């Protein structure tokens, strides 16, 4: 696939990402889980508190956003190269058919995505899929990282990472670099989107903190401490 096609896919998928509905933040809940002593040291204004809270929240949210974004790019590439499509099967994100056999691929962001329960679920899912006459293969792909070499007798699902994963859905050993170039070319627009995703929530959050946890122009850290750690419930305005 030519680089300009990949660039277009990366840009189109960013537009698709903007259409995704997200849950609004719940600042009262996020505040209740913060270390109030750290807030007292690092924050002087309602804006500081909101920035402090949202910075941690956005870090987690951005990982989810990137995971969905890269998966969407991978699905688009597989559509062009393999006549692939977004799968509805359990534990599967990409699916295609070759010579009457169905090939299933789960797409993850980090190579360290799974815990013991998730691995167990995948192994069960793969075992059930193998009972179908039209089963071709099942693998997990991760958008970055290196493929871990496993022993021949390793009776678990196959996981391919980074370059190997992008090759799997494109038959192009340079696809992982082509996607990187596409991301780099669109980096300004991607960065603006990720940074601005919570702008409307931020303005609302600042007003809520100002209304509930300030005395004049000064933050009331005793009330914040009671809200986070006190036995008695602290009344605040509805979020």
Protein backbone atom coordinates (compact mmCIF):
# COMPACT_ATOMS: atom_id res chain seq x y z
CA UNK A 1 0.00 0.00 0.00
CA UNK A 2 1.26 3.45 -0.92
CA UNK A 3 2.09 5.90 1.87
CA UNK A 4 -0.53 8.41 0.71
CA UNK A 5 -3.24 5.76 1.17
CA UNK A 6 -2.08 5.14 4.74
CA UNK A 7 -1.99 8.89 5.40
CA UNK A 8 -5.61 9.13 4.26
CA UNK A 9 -6.64 6.18 6.44
CA UNK A 10 -5.01 7.77 9.49
CA UNK A 11 -6.81 11.05 8.84
CA UNK A 12 -10.17 9.42 8.12
CA UNK A 13 -9.97 7.34 11.29
CA UNK A 14 -9.35 10.48 13.33
CA UNK A 15 -12.65 11.81 12.02
CA UNK A 16 -14.30 8.52 13.03
CA UNK A 17 -12.76 8.88 16.48
CA UNK A 18 -14.40 12.29 16.91
CA UNK A 19 -17.78 10.65 16.35
CA UNK A 20 -17.31 8.26 19.26
CA UNK A 21 -19.52 9.04 22.22
CA UNK A 22 -17.70 9.19 25.52
CA UNK A 23 -18.86 9.30 29.09
CA UNK A 24 -18.60 12.71 30.73
CA UNK A 25 -16.26 12.93 33.69
CA UNK A 26 -17.60 12.79 37.22
CA UNK A 27 -15.42 15.32 39.03
CA UNK A 28 -16.95 14.75 42.50
CA UNK A 29 -16.05 11.08 42.22
CA UNK A 30 -12.55 11.83 40.91
CA UNK A 31 -11.95 14.36 43.68
CA UNK A 32 -13.06 11.87 46.33
CA UNK A 33 -10.25 9.55 45.21
CA UNK A 34 -7.50 12.17 45.29
CA UNK A 35 -4.82 12.63 47.97
CA UNK A 36 -5.99 15.90 49.62
CA UNK A 37 -2.55 16.56 51.12
CA UNK A 38 -0.98 16.46 47.68
CA UNK A 39 -3.67 18.86 46.43
CA UNK A 40 -2.79 21.32 49.19
CA UNK A 41 0.84 21.39 48.08
CA UNK A 42 0.32 21.44 44.33
CA UNK A 43 -2.83 23.54 43.91
CA UNK A 44 -3.57 27.20 44.65
CA UNK A 45 -6.66 27.81 42.53
CA UNK A 46 -9.74 25.88 41.34
CA UNK A 47 -8.05 25.71 37.94
CA UNK A 48 -5.03 24.02 39.51
CA UNK A 49 -7.20 21.38 41.19
CA UNK A 50 -9.08 20.59 38.00
CA UNK A 51 -5.83 20.39 36.00
CA UNK A 52 -4.31 18.13 38.65
CA UNK A 53 -7.29 15.76 38.63
CA UNK A 54 -7.87 15.73 34.88
CA UNK A 55 -4.20 15.18 34.08
CA UNK A 56 -4.34 11.77 35.74
CA UNK A 57 -7.75 11.02 34.30
CA UNK A 58 -6.73 12.01 30.78
CA UNK A 59 -3.66 9.80 30.94
CA UNK A 60 -5.89 6.77 31.43
CA UNK A 61 -8.47 8.03 28.93
CA UNK A 62 -5.85 8.71 26.26
CA UNK A 63 -4.70 5.08 26.44
CA UNK A 64 -8.28 4.02 25.68
CA UNK A 65 -8.53 6.59 22.88
CA UNK A 66 -5.26 5.45 21.29
CA UNK A 67 -6.31 1.82 21.55
CA UNK A 68 -9.55 2.48 19.69
CA UNK A 69 -7.83 4.75 17.15
CA UNK A 70 -5.12 2.25 16.19
CA UNK A 71 -7.64 -0.58 16.06
CA UNK A 72 -9.78 1.47 13.64
CA UNK A 73 -6.72 2.08 11.45
CA UNK A 74 -5.91 -1.65 11.50
CA UNK A 75 -9.47 -2.58 10.49
CA UNK A 76 -9.33 -0.14 7.54
CA UNK A 77 -6.01 -1.58 6.36
CA UNK A 78 -7.33 -5.14 6.60
CA UNK A 79 -10.39 -4.12 4.57
CA UNK A 80 -8.16 -3.03 1.69
CA UNK A 81 -5.57 -5.81 1.88
CA UNK A 82 -7.60 -8.83 3.01
CA UNK A 83 -11.25 -7.89 2.50
CA UNK A 84 -11.35 -7.88 6.28
CA UNK A 85 -14.04 -6.35 8.45
CA UNK A 86 -14.85 -5.42 12.03
CA UNK A 87 -15.76 -8.69 13.71
CA UNK A 88 -18.71 -9.27 16.03
CA UNK A 89 -17.21 -12.44 17.50
CA UNK A 90 -16.17 -12.61 21.14
CA UNK A 91 -12.58 -11.52 21.81
CA UNK A 92 -12.21 -10.66 18.11
CA UNK A 93 -11.83 -7.27 16.43
CA UNK A 94 -10.82 -8.12 12.85
CA UNK A 95 -12.04 -10.98 10.69
CA UNK A 96 -11.49 -12.15 7.12
CA UNK A 97 -12.11 -15.24 5.01
CA UNK A 98 -9.53 -17.00 2.84
CA UNK A 99 -10.33 -20.13 0.83
CA UNK A 100 -13.50 -20.67 2.85
CA UNK A 101 -11.71 -20.45 6.19
CA UNK A 102 -12.41 -17.74 8.77
CA UNK A 103 -9.47 -15.96 10.36
CA UNK A 104 -10.02 -14.10 13.62
CA UNK A 105 -7.75 -11.45 15.11
CA UNK A 106 -8.09 -9.68 18.42
CA UNK A 107 -6.48 -6.22 18.38
CA UNK A 108 -4.92 -4.75 21.52
CA UNK A 109 -2.78 -1.71 22.14
CA UNK A 110 -0.13 -2.74 24.64
CA UNK A 111 1.61 -6.14 24.48
CA UNK A 112 1.01 -6.32 28.25
CA UNK A 113 -2.77 -5.93 27.93
CA UNK A 114 -3.91 -9.14 29.61
CA UNK A 115 -4.28 -10.55 33.10
CA UNK A 116 -4.70 -14.23 33.99
CA UNK A 117 -8.51 -14.16 33.67
CA UNK A 118 -8.38 -12.48 30.25
CA UNK A 119 -5.85 -15.04 28.99
CA UNK A 120 -8.05 -17.85 30.26
CA UNK A 121 -11.07 -16.39 28.47
CA UNK A 122 -9.13 -16.13 25.21
CA UNK A 123 -7.92 -19.70 25.41
CA UNK A 124 -11.48 -20.91 25.98
CA UNK A 125 -12.74 -18.77 23.08
CA UNK A 126 -10.11 -20.14 20.72
CA UNK A 127 -10.92 -23.73 21.74
CA UNK A 128 -14.59 -23.16 20.98
CA UNK A 129 -13.80 -21.56 17.61
CA UNK A 130 -11.69 -24.55 16.57
CA UNK A 131 -14.80 -26.75 16.72
CA UNK A 132 -16.19 -24.96 13.66
CA UNK A 133 -15.48 -26.57 10.27
CA UNK A 134 -14.71 -23.18 8.69
CA UNK A 135 -12.20 -22.17 11.39
CA UNK A 136 -8.91 -20.97 9.94
CA UNK A 137 -6.90 -19.30 12.70
CA UNK A 138 -7.07 -17.11 15.77
CA UNK A 139 -4.39 -14.70 16.99
CA UNK A 140 -4.05 -11.63 19.17
CA UNK A 141 -2.28 -8.63 17.65
CA UNK A 142 -0.87 -5.65 19.54
CA UNK A 143 -0.14 -2.30 17.91
CA UNK A 144 3.35 -1.97 19.37
CA UNK A 145 6.03 -3.99 21.16
CA UNK A 146 7.94 -7.11 20.15
CA UNK A 147 6.59 -10.59 19.58
CA UNK A 148 7.55 -12.93 22.43
CA UNK A 149 9.08 -16.20 21.30
CA UNK A 150 7.28 -19.16 22.82
CA UNK A 151 8.16 -22.82 23.20
CA UNK A 152 6.79 -25.27 20.61
CA UNK A 153 4.71 -27.00 23.27
CA UNK A 154 3.17 -23.73 24.48
CA UNK A 155 -0.53 -24.59 24.29
CA UNK A 156 -1.92 -21.04 24.38
CA UNK A 157 -3.18 -18.42 21.95
CA UNK A 158 -0.67 -16.83 19.58
CA UNK A 159 0.18 -13.17 20.13
CA UNK A 160 2.03 -11.05 17.57
CA UNK A 161 3.21 -7.53 18.34
CA UNK A 162 4.45 -4.41 16.59
CA UNK A 163 5.90 -5.03 13.14
CA UNK A 164 4.63 -8.62 13.11
CA UNK A 165 1.10 -7.51 14.00
CA UNK A 166 0.86 -4.87 11.28
CA UNK A 167 2.30 -7.35 8.75
CA UNK A 168 -0.38 -9.86 9.73
CA UNK A 169 -3.21 -7.58 8.51
CA UNK A 170 -1.40 -6.11 5.49
CA UNK A 171 1.28 -8.54 4.18
CA UNK A 172 3.60 -5.51 4.24
CA UNK A 173 6.69 -5.66 6.49
CA UNK A 174 6.93 -1.86 6.47
CA UNK A 175 3.30 -1.23 7.43
CA UNK A 176 4.17 -0.41 11.05
CA UNK A 177 6.49 2.35 9.81
CA UNK A 178 3.96 3.57 7.25
CA UNK A 179 1.39 3.96 10.04
CA UNK A 180 3.99 5.86 12.09
CA UNK A 181 4.60 8.26 9.18
CA UNK A 182 0.85 8.76 8.82
CA UNK A 183 0.52 9.49 12.54
CA UNK A 184 3.47 11.89 12.41
CA UNK A 185 2.01 13.72 9.41
CA UNK A 186 -1.26 14.17 11.29
CA UNK A 187 0.32 14.74 14.70
CA UNK A 188 -0.92 18.32 15.14
CA UNK A 189 -4.56 17.44 14.52
CA UNK A 190 -4.32 14.28 16.65
CA UNK A 191 -2.69 16.20 19.50
CA UNK A 192 -5.31 18.95 19.38
CA UNK A 193 -8.08 16.38 19.51
CA UNK A 194 -6.66 14.46 22.47
CA UNK A 195 -5.90 17.67 24.38
CA UNK A 196 -9.29 19.23 23.77
CA UNK A 197 -11.52 16.24 24.43
CA UNK A 198 -12.37 17.39 27.97
CA UNK A 199 -12.47 21.18 27.43
CA UNK A 200 -16.22 21.47 28.05
CA UNK A 201 -15.95 19.30 31.18
CA UNK A 202 -13.01 21.36 32.41
CA UNK A 203 -14.91 24.65 32.42
CA UNK A 204 -17.81 23.02 34.27
CA UNK A 205 -15.40 21.43 36.76
CA UNK A 206 -13.67 24.71 37.59
CA UNK A 207 -17.00 26.35 38.41
CA UNK A 208 -18.01 23.39 40.58
CA UNK A 209 -14.79 23.52 42.61
CA UNK A 210 -15.07 27.30 42.98
CA UNK A 211 -18.66 27.02 44.17
CA UNK A 212 -18.04 24.26 46.71
CA UNK A 213 -14.46 24.53 47.94
CA UNK A 214 -13.42 28.18 48.12
CA UNK A 215 -13.63 30.92 50.69
CA UNK A 216 -13.50 34.08 48.64
CA UNK A 217 -10.49 33.62 46.35
CA UNK A 218 -8.84 30.98 48.53
CA UNK A 219 -9.25 27.21 48.32
CA UNK A 220 -10.74 25.61 51.42
CA UNK A 221 -8.53 22.57 51.90
CA UNK A 222 -10.09 21.67 55.25
CA UNK A 223 -13.43 21.20 53.49
CA UNK A 224 -11.72 19.25 50.72
CA UNK A 225 -10.08 17.06 53.37
CA UNK A 226 -13.44 16.46 55.04
CA UNK A 227 -15.01 15.67 51.67
CA UNK A 228 -12.35 13.07 50.90
CA UNK A 229 -11.61 11.62 54.33
CA UNK A 230 -14.17 12.74 56.92
CA UNK A 231 -16.71 10.40 58.51
CA UNK A 232 -19.58 12.80 57.92
CA UNK A 233 -20.97 13.50 54.50
CA UNK A 234 -20.11 16.92 53.09
CA UNK A 235 -22.94 18.54 51.15
CA UNK A 236 -21.97 19.87 47.74
CA UNK A 237 -23.94 21.17 44.79
CA UNK A 238 -25.15 18.64 42.25
CA UNK A 239 -22.66 17.86 39.49
